[in-house]
Amino acid sequence: MKILVVIDMQNDFIDGSLGTAEAVEIVPNVNKKIKSYKAQGLDIVFTRDTHYENYLSTMEGKKLPVMHCIKNTHGWEISPELDTDGCTIINKPSFGSLELAEFIASDPKVTEVEIVGLCTDICVISNAMIIKARLPEIKITVDSSCCAGVTPESHENALNAMKMCHIDIK
């Protein structure tokens, strides 16, 4: 069985405090992908970057001093353009999620994972690598038309790095 993992398609990463034009551009592609999976009756898992008011005092906050994805704010919410009904949502406190990898590993029917979302060069690559490490025999694909990085160059660098680790890029 194939599942879709939608990484951090939250308002702050699309058009909020860390948004980019490239992130805004992929929303229709991600929406189309979600609709396709739902039409096939396939499972979809969303991740949600989740921080708190103390964010700036955390290690990440010291290196990226921009308040974003603060729990229960508009920026933390998944874009309203994306249908999350019936989907699993995993809150994650950092780039990659061990909980996501374990969630996928808990279903022995999963044979393929497709990953889309933001940001290619931070959270997408982190989660792809954690899933690959936890489940080395599962096929992992990243749809580059449904991802955006901090910059177009870092997006391409992340795609190339994932290719080197046997993650399929389309």
Protein backbone atom coordinates (compact mmCIF):
# COMPACT_ATOMS: atom_id res chain seq x y z
CA MET A 1 0.00 0.00 0.00
CA LYS A 2 1.17 3.51 -0.82
CA ILE A 3 0.75 6.47 1.52
CA LEU A 4 1.23 10.21 1.10
CA VAL A 5 3.17 12.25 3.66
CA VAL A 6 2.52 16.00 3.49
CA ILE A 7 5.26 17.86 5.34
CA ASP A 8 4.55 21.18 7.07
CA MET A 9 2.17 22.80 4.58
CA GLN A 10 1.46 25.45 7.19
CA ASN A 11 0.57 29.10 6.75
CA ASP A 12 3.86 30.38 8.19
CA PHE A 13 5.85 28.37 5.63
CA ILE A 14 3.59 29.28 2.70
CA ASP A 15 2.89 33.00 2.98
CA GLY A 16 3.64 33.80 6.60
CA SER A 17 6.81 34.61 8.52
CA LEU A 18 8.95 32.11 6.55
CA GLY A 19 6.89 31.99 3.36
CA THR A 20 8.28 32.17 -0.17
CA ALA A 21 6.86 32.66 -3.65
CA GLU A 22 7.92 29.08 -4.46
CA ALA A 23 5.93 27.76 -1.48
CA VAL A 24 2.83 29.64 -2.61
CA GLU A 25 3.27 28.19 -6.12
CA ILE A 26 3.20 24.53 -4.99
CA VAL A 27 -0.06 24.71 -3.02
CA PRO A 28 -2.25 23.83 -6.06
CA ASN A 29 0.05 20.90 -6.91
CA VAL A 30 -0.12 19.57 -3.35
CA ASN A 31 -3.89 20.03 -3.32
CA LYS A 32 -4.19 18.02 -6.55
CA LYS A 33 -1.97 15.27 -5.11
CA ILE A 34 -4.10 15.05 -1.94
CA LYS A 35 -7.30 14.82 -4.00
CA SER A 36 -5.76 12.03 -6.09
CA TYR A 37 -4.82 9.99 -3.02
CA LYS A 38 -8.24 10.51 -1.47
CA ALA A 39 -9.96 9.43 -4.71
CA GLN A 40 -7.95 6.19 -4.57
CA GLY A 41 -8.81 5.63 -0.90
CA LEU A 42 -5.15 5.85 0.14
CA ASP A 43 -3.92 7.11 3.50
CA ILE A 44 -2.50 10.60 3.96
CA VAL A 45 -0.39 11.81 6.89
CA PHE A 46 0.31 15.50 7.53
CA THR A 47 3.08 16.80 9.73
CA ARG A 48 2.81 20.09 11.51
CA ASP A 49 5.89 21.96 12.74
CA THR A 50 4.98 22.85 16.31
CA HIS A 51 6.73 25.42 18.49
CA TYR A 52 5.82 27.35 21.63
CA GLU A 53 6.26 30.87 23.00
CA ASN A 54 9.77 29.93 24.22
CA TYR A 55 10.89 29.18 20.65
CA LEU A 56 13.58 31.87 20.52
CA SER A 57 15.32 30.32 23.55
CA THR A 58 15.52 26.87 21.92
CA MET A 59 18.55 25.70 19.95
CA GLU A 60 16.59 26.00 16.69
CA GLY A 61 15.31 29.45 17.69
CA LYS A 62 18.85 30.65 18.35
CA LYS A 63 19.93 29.56 14.87
CA LEU A 64 16.70 30.63 13.12
CA PRO A 65 15.44 33.58 15.17
CA VAL A 66 12.08 33.94 13.42
CA MET A 67 8.96 33.09 15.42
CA HIS A 68 6.94 30.61 13.38
CA CYS A 69 4.44 27.77 13.74
CA ILE A 70 3.59 28.67 17.32
CA LYS A 71 0.96 26.19 18.47
CA ASN A 72 -2.64 27.35 18.09
CA THR A 73 -1.77 30.40 15.94
CA HIS A 74 -2.84 31.04 12.36
CA GLY A 75 0.73 30.41 11.16
CA TRP A 76 0.75 26.95 12.80
CA GLU A 77 -2.38 25.83 10.96
CA ILE A 78 -2.22 23.75 7.80
CA SER A 79 -3.27 25.75 4.75
CA PRO A 80 -7.07 25.86 4.49
CA GLU A 81 -6.65 25.11 0.78
CA LEU A 82 -5.62 21.55 1.69
CA ASP A 83 -8.17 18.94 2.77
CA THR A 84 -7.07 17.28 6.01
CA ASP A 85 -10.40 15.54 6.70
CA GLY A 86 -9.86 11.90 7.61
CA CYS A 87 -6.08 12.31 7.62
CA THR A 88 -3.63 11.70 10.42
CA ILE A 89 -1.83 14.83 11.67
CA ILE A 90 1.45 14.50 13.56
CA ASN A 91 2.81 17.50 15.44
CA LYS A 92 6.60 17.56 15.39
CA PRO A 93 8.88 19.72 17.54
CA SER A 94 11.82 19.65 15.15
CA PHE A 95 12.82 19.11 11.53
CA GLY A 96 12.40 15.34 11.43
CA SER A 97 9.89 13.17 13.21
CA LEU A 98 10.69 9.81 14.74
CA GLU A 99 6.97 9.55 15.51
CA LEU A 100 6.19 9.80 11.78
CA ALA A 101 8.65 7.02 10.93
CA GLU A 102 7.24 4.80 13.68
CA PHE A 103 3.67 5.54 12.54
CA ILE A 104 4.57 4.37 9.03
CA ALA A 105 6.48 1.35 10.37
CA SER A 106 3.45 0.31 12.47
CA ASP A 107 1.50 -0.61 9.33
CA PRO A 108 3.04 -3.67 7.66
CA LYS A 109 0.89 -3.06 4.55
CA VAL A 110 2.83 0.11 3.68
CA THR A 111 5.23 -0.61 0.83
CA GLU A 112 5.69 2.88 -0.58
CA VAL A 113 5.79 6.41 0.80
CA GLU A 114 5.44 9.55 -1.30
CA ILE A 115 6.56 12.80 0.33
CA VAL A 116 5.57 16.36 -0.57
CA GLY A 117 5.73 19.69 1.25
CA LEU A 118 7.97 22.27 2.84
CA CYS A 119 10.83 22.91 3.06
CA THR A 120 12.67 20.51 0.75
CA ASP A 121 16.06 21.41 2.22
CA ILE A 122 15.09 21.15 5.88
CA CYS A 123 12.02 19.15 6.91
CA VAL A 124 11.35 17.17 3.73
CA ILE A 125 14.90 15.83 3.53
CA SER A 126 15.04 15.22 7.30
CA ASN A 127 11.86 13.14 7.29
CA ALA A 128 12.78 11.29 4.09
CA MET A 129 16.11 10.28 5.63
CA ILE A 130 14.56 9.22 8.95
CA ILE A 131 11.95 7.11 7.15
CA LYS A 132 14.68 5.62 4.94
CA ALA A 133 16.81 4.77 7.99
CA ARG A 134 13.85 3.19 9.82
CA LEU A 135 12.44 1.39 6.76
CA PRO A 136 15.30 0.82 4.31
CA GLU A 137 13.32 -1.53 2.05
CA ILE A 138 10.31 0.75 1.54
CA LYS A 139 10.26 2.75 -1.68
CA ILE A 140 10.36 6.47 -0.92
CA THR A 141 9.53 9.03 -3.58
CA VAL A 142 9.64 12.82 -3.34
CA ASP A 143 7.56 14.77 -5.87
CA SER A 144 9.71 17.82 -6.62
CA SER A 145 6.75 19.67 -8.17
CA CYS A 146 5.05 19.53 -4.77
CA CYS A 147 8.02 20.76 -2.74
CA ALA A 148 9.82 24.07 -2.28
CA GLY A 149 12.98 24.96 -0.44
CA VAL A 150 14.20 28.02 1.36
CA THR A 151 15.78 28.97 -1.98
CA PRO A 152 15.54 27.33 -5.41
CA GLU A 153 19.24 26.38 -5.10
CA SER A 154 18.85 24.72 -1.71
CA HIS A 155 15.74 22.90 -3.03
CA GLU A 156 17.85 21.40 -5.85
CA ASN A 157 20.71 20.55 -3.47
CA ALA A 158 18.31 18.65 -1.20
CA LEU A 159 16.78 16.75 -4.12
CA ASN A 160 20.26 15.71 -5.25
CA ALA A 161 21.24 14.64 -1.73
CA MET A 162 18.10 12.49 -1.45
CA LYS A 163 18.83 10.88 -4.83
CA MET A 164 22.24 9.85 -3.50
CA CYS A 165 20.48 8.07 -0.63
CA HIS A 166 18.22 6.04 -2.96
CA ILE A 167 15.16 8.19 -2.57
CA ASP A 168 13.36 8.51 -5.89
CA ILE A 169 12.77 12.03 -7.15
CA LYS A 170 10.07 12.79 -9.67
